[in-house]
Structures are given as structure tokens and as C-alpha cells.
């Protein structure tokens, strides 16, 4: 289709459908990349949480007897 016909009458329905399909494919590829990035970000956060828990464990072991004693006095 020449430029004049395209300007006066617009894209033909077949070309419009093809353009929509291409745009949908581009959007789906972008979404896949975003999901992968989010997945990696979540895995990094989980790793940070696990490291923090490992560092806090000794303090919790020391506090456990005190918390148990307080619970016994309250109940």
C-alpha cells in the first residue's frame, strides 16, 4: 500500500491485526523480563533475611530462658 492510500484510508485490517500481534509479543517479552527481575529481587531478599536470622539466633537462645521465666510468672 502506498503512502497516500495509507494516509487517506488507514491501514488495512490485516496489517492492523499483524501490528497488534507484534505489539502483544513485545509486551509479553517485557513482562517476562520484569517477572525475572522481580524473582531475582525476591530471592536476594530471602537470602538477606536468612542471613539476618543466622546472626540473631545466638541472641534469641540467650533470651529464651528469660522469656520463659516471665511467662511462668504471668500465668
N, C-alpha and C. Protein backbone atom coordinates (compact mmCIF):
# COMPACT_ATOMS: atom_id res chain seq x y z
N UNK A 1 0.85 -1.17 0.00
CA UNK A 1 0.00 0.00 0.00
C UNK A 1 0.90 1.24 0.00
N UNK A 2 0.56 2.18 -0.87
CA UNK A 2 1.38 3.39 -0.94
C UNK A 2 1.06 4.35 0.22
N UNK A 3 1.90 5.34 0.38
CA UNK A 3 1.79 6.28 1.49
C UNK A 3 0.49 7.07 1.44
N UNK A 4 0.09 7.51 0.23
CA UNK A 4 -1.14 8.30 0.09
C UNK A 4 -2.36 7.49 0.50
N UNK A 5 -2.48 6.27 0.00
CA UNK A 5 -3.62 5.43 0.34
C UNK A 5 -3.65 5.14 1.84
N UNK A 6 -2.49 4.90 2.39
CA UNK A 6 -2.41 4.62 3.82
C UNK A 6 -2.86 5.84 4.63
N UNK A 7 -2.46 7.06 4.18
CA UNK A 7 -2.83 8.27 4.87
C UNK A 7 -4.33 8.53 4.74
N UNK A 8 -4.90 8.31 3.57
CA UNK A 8 -6.31 8.62 3.32
C UNK A 8 -7.25 7.55 3.90
N UNK A 9 -6.88 6.30 3.80
CA UNK A 9 -7.80 5.22 4.17
C UNK A 9 -7.36 4.42 5.39
N UNK A 10 -6.18 4.68 5.90
CA UNK A 10 -5.69 3.97 7.07
C UNK A 10 -5.12 2.62 6.70
N UNK A 11 -4.66 1.90 7.72
CA UNK A 11 -4.11 0.57 7.49
C UNK A 11 -5.23 -0.40 7.16
N UNK A 12 -4.90 -1.40 6.37
CA UNK A 12 -5.88 -2.43 6.09
C UNK A 12 -6.05 -3.28 7.36
N UNK A 13 -7.20 -3.92 7.53
CA UNK A 13 -7.42 -4.72 8.74
C UNK A 13 -6.37 -5.79 8.95
N UNK A 14 -5.86 -6.39 7.88
CA UNK A 14 -4.85 -7.43 8.01
C UNK A 14 -3.57 -6.85 8.62
N UNK A 15 -3.14 -5.69 8.13
CA UNK A 15 -1.93 -5.07 8.65
C UNK A 15 -2.13 -4.64 10.10
N UNK A 16 -3.32 -4.15 10.44
CA UNK A 16 -3.60 -3.72 11.79
C UNK A 16 -3.52 -4.91 12.74
N UNK A 17 -4.07 -6.05 12.34
CA UNK A 17 -4.03 -7.25 13.17
C UNK A 17 -2.58 -7.70 13.38
N UNK A 18 -1.79 -7.63 12.32
CA UNK A 18 -0.39 -8.02 12.44
C UNK A 18 0.36 -7.09 13.39
N UNK A 19 0.09 -5.79 13.29
CA UNK A 19 0.73 -4.82 14.18
C UNK A 19 0.34 -5.07 15.63
N UNK A 20 -0.95 -5.39 15.87
CA UNK A 20 -1.39 -5.68 17.24
C UNK A 20 -0.69 -6.91 17.78
N UNK A 21 -0.53 -7.94 16.95
CA UNK A 21 0.15 -9.16 17.39
C UNK A 21 1.60 -8.86 17.75
N UNK A 22 2.26 -8.04 16.94
CA UNK A 22 3.66 -7.68 17.22
C UNK A 22 3.75 -6.91 18.53
N UNK A 23 2.81 -5.99 18.75
CA UNK A 23 2.83 -5.21 20.00
C UNK A 23 2.58 -6.12 21.20
N UNK A 24 1.66 -7.09 21.08
CA UNK A 24 1.39 -8.02 22.17
C UNK A 24 2.63 -8.86 22.49
N UNK A 25 3.34 -9.29 21.44
CA UNK A 25 4.56 -10.07 21.65
C UNK A 25 5.61 -9.25 22.38
N UNK A 26 5.75 -7.98 21.99
CA UNK A 26 6.73 -7.11 22.66
C UNK A 26 6.36 -6.92 24.12
N UNK A 27 5.07 -6.75 24.41
CA UNK A 27 4.61 -6.55 25.77
C UNK A 27 4.86 -7.81 26.58
N UNK A 28 4.59 -8.99 26.01
CA UNK A 28 4.79 -10.23 26.74
C UNK A 28 6.28 -10.46 27.03
N UNK A 29 7.15 -10.10 26.08
CA UNK A 29 8.58 -10.23 26.31
C UNK A 29 9.03 -9.30 27.43
N UNK A 30 8.49 -8.10 27.45
CA UNK A 30 8.82 -7.14 28.51
C UNK A 30 8.34 -7.66 29.85
N UNK A 31 7.14 -8.23 29.90
CA UNK A 31 6.61 -8.77 31.15
C UNK A 31 7.47 -9.92 31.65
N UNK A 32 7.96 -10.77 30.75
CA UNK A 32 8.81 -11.88 31.15
C UNK A 32 10.09 -11.35 31.80
N UNK A 33 10.67 -10.31 31.21
CA UNK A 33 11.88 -9.72 31.77
C UNK A 33 11.61 -9.14 33.15
N UNK A 34 10.48 -8.45 33.31
CA UNK A 34 10.13 -7.85 34.59
C UNK A 34 9.90 -8.92 35.64
N UNK A 35 9.23 -10.03 35.26
CA UNK A 35 8.99 -11.12 36.20
C UNK A 35 10.31 -11.74 36.64
N UNK A 36 11.24 -11.90 35.72
CA UNK A 36 12.54 -12.46 36.05
C UNK A 36 13.28 -11.55 37.01
N UNK A 37 13.23 -10.25 36.76
CA UNK A 37 13.90 -9.30 37.64
C UNK A 37 13.27 -9.33 39.01
N UNK A 38 11.95 -9.38 39.10
CA UNK A 38 11.28 -9.42 40.38
C UNK A 38 11.61 -10.71 41.11
N UNK A 39 11.67 -11.81 40.40
CA UNK A 39 12.00 -13.10 41.01
C UNK A 39 13.40 -13.05 41.61
N UNK A 40 14.34 -12.50 40.89
CA UNK A 40 15.71 -12.40 41.40
C UNK A 40 15.76 -11.46 42.60
N UNK A 41 15.01 -10.38 42.58
CA UNK A 41 14.97 -9.44 43.70
C UNK A 41 14.41 -10.13 44.94
N UNK A 42 13.35 -10.91 44.77
CA UNK A 42 12.75 -11.63 45.89
C UNK A 42 13.73 -12.65 46.45
N UNK A 43 14.44 -13.36 45.59
CA UNK A 43 15.40 -14.35 46.07
C UNK A 43 16.53 -13.68 46.84
N UNK A 44 16.98 -12.51 46.40
CA UNK A 44 18.00 -11.77 47.14
C UNK A 44 17.50 -11.36 48.51
N UNK A 45 16.23 -10.91 48.59
CA UNK A 45 15.66 -10.52 49.87
C UNK A 45 15.55 -11.70 50.81
N UNK A 46 15.15 -12.85 50.29
CA UNK A 46 15.05 -14.05 51.13
C UNK A 46 16.43 -14.44 51.66
N UNK A 47 17.45 -14.33 50.83
CA UNK A 47 18.81 -14.62 51.27
C UNK A 47 19.24 -13.67 52.38
N UNK A 48 18.90 -12.39 52.25
CA UNK A 48 19.25 -11.41 53.29
C UNK A 48 18.54 -11.73 54.60
N UNK A 49 17.27 -12.12 54.51
CA UNK A 49 16.51 -12.47 55.71
C UNK A 49 17.13 -13.68 56.39
N UNK A 50 17.51 -14.67 55.62
CA UNK A 50 18.10 -15.88 56.20
C UNK A 50 19.43 -15.56 56.88
N UNK A 51 20.23 -14.69 56.27
CA UNK A 51 21.50 -14.29 56.89
C UNK A 51 21.25 -13.54 58.20
N UNK A 52 20.24 -12.68 58.22
CA UNK A 52 19.91 -11.94 59.44
C UNK A 52 19.47 -12.89 60.54
N UNK A 53 18.67 -13.88 60.19
CA UNK A 53 18.21 -14.86 61.19
C UNK A 53 19.38 -15.64 61.76
N UNK A 54 20.33 -16.01 60.92
CA UNK A 54 21.51 -16.73 61.41
C UNK A 54 22.30 -15.88 62.40
N UNK A 55 22.35 -14.56 62.16
CA UNK A 55 23.09 -13.68 63.07
C UNK A 55 22.32 -13.46 64.38
N UNK A 56 21.00 -13.51 64.33
CA UNK A 56 20.18 -13.24 65.52
C UNK A 56 20.01 -14.48 66.40
N UNK A 57 20.20 -15.67 65.88
CA UNK A 57 19.99 -16.91 66.62
C UNK A 57 20.68 -16.94 67.99
N UNK A 58 21.94 -16.58 68.11
CA UNK A 58 22.58 -16.65 69.43
C UNK A 58 21.89 -15.74 70.46
N UNK A 59 21.46 -14.58 70.05
CA UNK A 59 20.78 -13.68 70.98
C UNK A 59 19.44 -14.26 71.41
N UNK A 60 18.74 -14.88 70.48
CA UNK A 60 17.46 -15.49 70.83
C UNK A 60 17.63 -16.65 71.80
N UNK A 61 18.71 -17.41 71.64
CA UNK A 61 18.97 -18.52 72.56
C UNK A 61 19.22 -18.00 73.98
N UNK A 62 19.86 -16.84 74.10
CA UNK A 62 20.11 -16.27 75.42
C UNK A 62 18.83 -15.68 76.02
N UNK A 63 17.94 -15.16 75.19
CA UNK A 63 16.71 -14.54 75.68
C UNK A 63 15.62 -15.56 75.99
N UNK A 64 15.67 -16.74 75.42
CA UNK A 64 14.62 -17.74 75.59
C UNK A 64 14.37 -18.08 77.06
N UNK A 65 15.39 -18.33 77.90
CA UNK A 65 15.11 -18.63 79.31
C UNK A 65 14.44 -17.46 80.05
N UNK A 66 14.84 -16.23 79.74
CA UNK A 66 14.22 -15.07 80.39
C UNK A 66 12.76 -14.94 79.99
N UNK A 67 12.46 -15.16 78.74
CA UNK A 67 11.07 -15.08 78.27
C UNK A 67 10.24 -16.17 78.91
N UNK A 68 10.81 -17.37 79.05
CA UNK A 68 10.08 -18.47 79.69
C UNK A 68 9.79 -18.13 81.15
N UNK A 69 10.75 -17.54 81.84
CA UNK A 69 10.55 -17.18 83.25
C UNK A 69 9.46 -16.12 83.38
N UNK A 70 9.44 -15.15 82.51
CA UNK A 70 8.40 -14.11 82.54
C UNK A 70 7.03 -14.72 82.27
N UNK A 71 6.95 -15.64 81.32
CA UNK A 71 5.67 -16.30 81.03
C UNK A 71 5.17 -17.08 82.23
N UNK A 72 6.07 -17.74 82.95
CA UNK A 72 5.65 -18.52 84.12
C UNK A 72 5.12 -17.61 85.21
N UNK A 73 5.74 -16.45 85.41
CA UNK A 73 5.28 -15.51 86.43
C UNK A 73 3.93 -14.91 86.08
N UNK A 74 3.69 -14.65 84.82
CA UNK A 74 2.42 -14.07 84.39
C UNK A 74 1.30 -15.09 84.51
N UNK A 75 1.54 -16.29 84.17
CA UNK A 75 0.49 -17.32 84.19
C UNK A 75 0.50 -17.98 85.51
